[in-house]
């Protein structure tokens, strides 16, 4: 993982020290693997991580970091504050990620009568 990604994630989270670098590095790596897996799910070839979606990697990493301690929950309430999470972080970015996917098969619809 590039130090640039780690430094940008830390900037987004307001982290100025190195105490959580190991955790953040793991979250970035796992998030990147999830994105590559999504991109390659319909492909015969192995597409590497596209540089054009670095921002998606950072946003998903921040989401996952903010959810630490609340894994598996769909919502949480404290006093007047209510928070809800989606199960699939990647679904929000499918529009941006789908252009990197190479789908198997033809481009049309086959109808058999």
C-alpha atoms as a PDB file:
ATOM      1  CA  UNK A   1       0.000   0.000   0.000  1.00  0.00           C
ATOM      2  CA  UNK A   2       1.288   3.412  -0.854  1.00  0.00           C
ATOM      3  CA  UNK A   3       2.138   5.733   1.997  1.00  0.00           C
ATOM      4  CA  UNK A   4       0.141   8.342   0.077  1.00  0.00           C
ATOM      5  CA  UNK A   5      -3.092   6.390   0.613  1.00  0.00           C
ATOM      6  CA  UNK A   6      -2.360   5.945   4.300  1.00  0.00           C
ATOM      7  CA  UNK A   7      -1.569   9.640   4.771  1.00  0.00           C
ATOM      8  CA  UNK A   8      -4.762  10.686   2.975  1.00  0.00           C
ATOM      9  CA  UNK A   9      -6.900   8.295   5.054  1.00  0.00           C
ATOM     10  CA  UNK A  10      -5.297   9.668   8.220  1.00  0.00           C
ATOM     11  CA  UNK A  11      -6.024  13.212   7.048  1.00  0.00           C
ATOM     12  CA  UNK A  12      -9.686  12.348   6.441  1.00  0.00           C
ATOM     13  CA  UNK A  13      -9.926  10.808   9.922  1.00  0.00           C
ATOM     14  CA  UNK A  14      -8.000  13.587  11.655  1.00  0.00           C
ATOM     15  CA  UNK A  15      -5.278  11.214  12.878  1.00  0.00           C
ATOM     16  CA  UNK A  16      -1.904  12.885  13.356  1.00  0.00           C
ATOM     17  CA  UNK A  17       0.172  10.138  15.021  1.00  0.00           C
ATOM     18  CA  UNK A  18       1.335   6.670  13.957  1.00  0.00           C
ATOM     19  CA  UNK A  19      -0.419   4.682  16.702  1.00  0.00           C
ATOM     20  CA  UNK A  20      -3.115   3.319  14.368  1.00  0.00           C
ATOM     21  CA  UNK A  21      -1.035   2.918  11.214  1.00  0.00           C
ATOM     22  CA  UNK A  22      -1.036  -0.892  11.428  1.00  0.00           C
ATOM     23  CA  UNK A  23      -4.842  -1.013  11.723  1.00  0.00           C
ATOM     24  CA  UNK A  24      -5.327   1.536   8.942  1.00  0.00           C
ATOM     25  CA  UNK A  25      -2.911  -0.339   6.681  1.00  0.00           C
ATOM     26  CA  UNK A  26      -4.919  -3.529   7.226  1.00  0.00           C
ATOM     27  CA  UNK A  27      -8.215  -1.737   6.504  1.00  0.00           C
ATOM     28  CA  UNK A  28      -6.814  -0.200   3.306  1.00  0.00           C
ATOM     29  CA  UNK A  29      -5.450  -3.565   2.158  1.00  0.00           C
ATOM     30  CA  UNK A  30      -8.706  -5.411   2.893  1.00  0.00           C
ATOM     31  CA  UNK A  31     -10.783  -2.702   1.213  1.00  0.00           C
ATOM     32  CA  UNK A  32      -8.556  -2.810  -1.855  1.00  0.00           C
ATOM     33  CA  UNK A  33      -8.927  -6.603  -2.055  1.00  0.00           C
ATOM     34  CA  UNK A  34     -12.725  -6.264  -1.839  1.00  0.00           C
ATOM     35  CA  UNK A  35     -12.751  -3.706  -4.643  1.00  0.00           C
ATOM     36  CA  UNK A  36     -10.552  -5.873  -6.880  1.00  0.00           C
ATOM     37  CA  UNK A  37     -12.752  -8.876  -6.120  1.00  0.00           C
ATOM     38  CA  UNK A  38     -15.855  -6.904  -7.115  1.00  0.00           C
ATOM     39  CA  UNK A  39     -14.234  -5.717 -10.336  1.00  0.00           C
ATOM     40  CA  UNK A  40     -13.079  -9.237 -11.257  1.00  0.00           C
ATOM     41  CA  UNK A  41     -16.238 -11.153 -10.318  1.00  0.00           C
ATOM     42  CA  UNK A  42     -17.423 -11.565 -13.919  1.00  0.00           C
ATOM     43  CA  UNK A  43     -14.084 -11.603 -15.672  1.00  0.00           C
ATOM     44  CA  UNK A  44     -11.853 -14.306 -17.068  1.00  0.00           C
ATOM     45  CA  UNK A  45      -8.820 -12.052 -16.622  1.00  0.00           C
ATOM     46  CA  UNK A  46      -7.376 -10.662 -13.427  1.00  0.00           C
ATOM     47  CA  UNK A  47      -7.710  -6.884 -13.465  1.00  0.00           C
ATOM     48  CA  UNK A  48      -5.377  -5.101 -11.046  1.00  0.00           C
ATOM     49  CA  UNK A  49      -6.507  -2.203  -8.859  1.00  0.00           C
ATOM     50  CA  UNK A  50      -7.283   0.756 -11.178  1.00  0.00           C
ATOM     51  CA  UNK A  51      -5.637   4.031 -10.183  1.00  0.00           C
ATOM     52  CA  UNK A  52      -8.763   5.996 -11.072  1.00  0.00           C
ATOM     53  CA  UNK A  53     -10.647   4.718  -8.030  1.00  0.00           C
ATOM     54  CA  UNK A  54      -8.203   5.618  -5.266  1.00  0.00           C
ATOM     55  CA  UNK A  55     -10.849   7.919  -3.809  1.00  0.00           C
ATOM     56  CA  UNK A  56     -13.289   5.001  -3.481  1.00  0.00           C
ATOM     57  CA  UNK A  57     -10.640   3.023  -1.599  1.00  0.00           C
ATOM     58  CA  UNK A  58     -10.153   5.927   0.827  1.00  0.00           C
ATOM     59  CA  UNK A  59     -13.886   6.425   1.397  1.00  0.00           C
ATOM     60  CA  UNK A  60     -14.548   2.724   2.035  1.00  0.00           C
ATOM     61  CA  UNK A  61     -11.562   2.562   4.396  1.00  0.00           C
ATOM     62  CA  UNK A  62     -12.896   5.536   6.384  1.00  0.00           C
ATOM     63  CA  UNK A  63     -16.344   3.899   6.564  1.00  0.00           C
ATOM     64  CA  UNK A  64     -14.868   0.652   7.839  1.00  0.00           C
ATOM     65  CA  UNK A  65     -12.721   2.475  10.398  1.00  0.00           C
ATOM     66  CA  UNK A  66     -15.712   4.421  11.696  1.00  0.00           C
ATOM     67  CA  UNK A  67     -17.672   1.192  12.064  1.00  0.00           C
ATOM     68  CA  UNK A  68     -15.079  -0.542  14.291  1.00  0.00           C
ATOM     69  CA  UNK A  69     -16.844  -1.823  17.382  1.00  0.00           C
ATOM     70  CA  UNK A  70     -20.195  -1.842  15.595  1.00  0.00           C
ATOM     71  CA  UNK A  71     -19.520  -4.692  13.161  1.00  0.00           C
ATOM     72  CA  UNK A  72     -22.616  -6.667  12.333  1.00  0.00           C
ATOM     73  CA  UNK A  73     -24.994  -3.928  13.433  1.00  0.00           C
ATOM     74  CA  UNK A  74     -27.371  -2.289  11.021  1.00  0.00           C
ATOM     75  CA  UNK A  75     -28.222   0.651  13.292  1.00  0.00           C
ATOM     76  CA  UNK A  76     -27.391   2.209  16.641  1.00  0.00           C
ATOM     77  CA  UNK A  77     -29.211   4.720  18.864  1.00  0.00           C
ATOM     78  CA  UNK A  78     -27.807   6.872  21.639  1.00  0.00           C
ATOM     79  CA  UNK A  79     -29.965   9.614  23.149  1.00  0.00           C
ATOM     80  CA  UNK A  80     -31.228  11.634  20.199  1.00  0.00           C
ATOM     81  CA  UNK A  81     -28.617  10.353  17.756  1.00  0.00           C
ATOM     82  CA  UNK A  82     -29.444   7.495  15.412  1.00  0.00           C
ATOM     83  CA  UNK A  83     -26.949   5.918  13.009  1.00  0.00           C
ATOM     84  CA  UNK A  84     -27.562   3.228  10.396  1.00  0.00           C
ATOM     85  CA  UNK A  85     -25.136   1.302   8.190  1.00  0.00           C
ATOM     86  CA  UNK A  86     -25.429  -0.606   4.957  1.00  0.00           C
ATOM     87  CA  UNK A  87     -24.305  -4.208   4.720  1.00  0.00           C
ATOM     88  CA  UNK A  88     -22.414  -3.655   1.480  1.00  0.00           C
ATOM     89  CA  UNK A  89     -20.011  -0.714   1.307  1.00  0.00           C
ATOM     90  CA  UNK A  90     -19.240  -1.354  -2.343  1.00  0.00           C
ATOM     91  CA  UNK A  91     -22.866  -1.098  -3.522  1.00  0.00           C
ATOM     92  CA  UNK A  92     -22.784   2.694  -3.142  1.00  0.00           C
ATOM     93  CA  UNK A  93     -19.901   2.854  -5.628  1.00  0.00           C
ATOM     94  CA  UNK A  94     -21.102   0.270  -8.175  1.00  0.00           C
ATOM     95  CA  UNK A  95     -21.774   2.983 -10.757  1.00  0.00           C
ATOM     96  CA  UNK A  96     -18.121   4.028 -10.674  1.00  0.00           C
ATOM     97  CA  UNK A  97     -16.719   0.502 -10.427  1.00  0.00           C
ATOM     98  CA  UNK A  98     -18.783  -1.156 -13.161  1.00  0.00           C
ATOM     99  CA  UNK A  99     -16.857   0.583 -15.942  1.00  0.00           C
ATOM    100  CA  UNK A 100     -13.731  -1.336 -14.865  1.00  0.00           C
ATOM    101  CA  UNK A 101     -15.465  -4.709 -14.969  1.00  0.00           C
ATOM    102  CA  UNK A 102     -15.110  -6.961 -18.004  1.00  0.00           C
ATOM    103  CA  UNK A 103     -18.163  -9.151 -18.160  1.00  0.00           C
ATOM    104  CA  UNK A 104     -18.197 -12.592 -19.702  1.00  0.00           C
ATOM    105  CA  UNK A 105     -20.511 -13.436 -22.519  1.00  0.00           C
ATOM    106  CA  UNK A 106     -22.149 -11.426 -25.229  1.00  0.00           C
ATOM    107  CA  UNK A 107     -23.439  -7.924 -25.197  1.00  0.00           C
ATOM    108  CA  UNK A 108     -27.039  -8.619 -26.112  1.00  0.00           C
ATOM    109  CA  UNK A 109     -30.079 -10.525 -25.016  1.00  0.00           C
ATOM    110  CA  UNK A 110     -30.786 -13.991 -26.351  1.00  0.00           C
ATOM    111  CA  UNK A 111     -34.407 -15.084 -26.586  1.00  0.00           C
ATOM    112  CA  UNK A 112     -35.453 -18.604 -27.400  1.00  0.00           C
ATOM    113  CA  UNK A 113     -39.016 -19.360 -28.430  1.00  0.00           C
END
